[in-house]
Amino acid sequence: MAFDLQSEIVNGIARLTLTGELDAGAAPALITELQVLASRQPRRLVFLVQNLDYISSAGLRSILFARQKIGSDIYWIAPTEAVLDTLQLAGFDQVVKVRSTYDPSEIETIVS
């Protein structure tokens, strides 16, 4: 399945919707988008990943890039079991905050 990325910033929260497979071929597009978002200095970074089927090591590196470049809390909302397993096996569940649902009021009111 192809990779698709949609992003927006609302109330200082950058939201990225990822669909398909985040692999070595797709990671550069995500990194480019993260650079654009970083220039706008969002307070939080939210990945809506309920339709992300796969994440490779290149995809995991893009999460580290996001953490370094943006420096804010990173949320992964509704990851599939396969993606969650990969995050946990790699220890990335300690880097990102995993939530089963997206509650904008919770994320917007959290103070760093």
Foldseek 3Di string as FASTA:
>chain_A
DDWDWDWDADLLEIEIEIAEEAEPVNLVVLLVVLLVVLVVQGQEYEYEYLHHDYYDVSNVVSLVVSCVSNVHAYEYEQHDPRHVVVCVVVVVCVVHPYYPHDDPVVVSPDDD
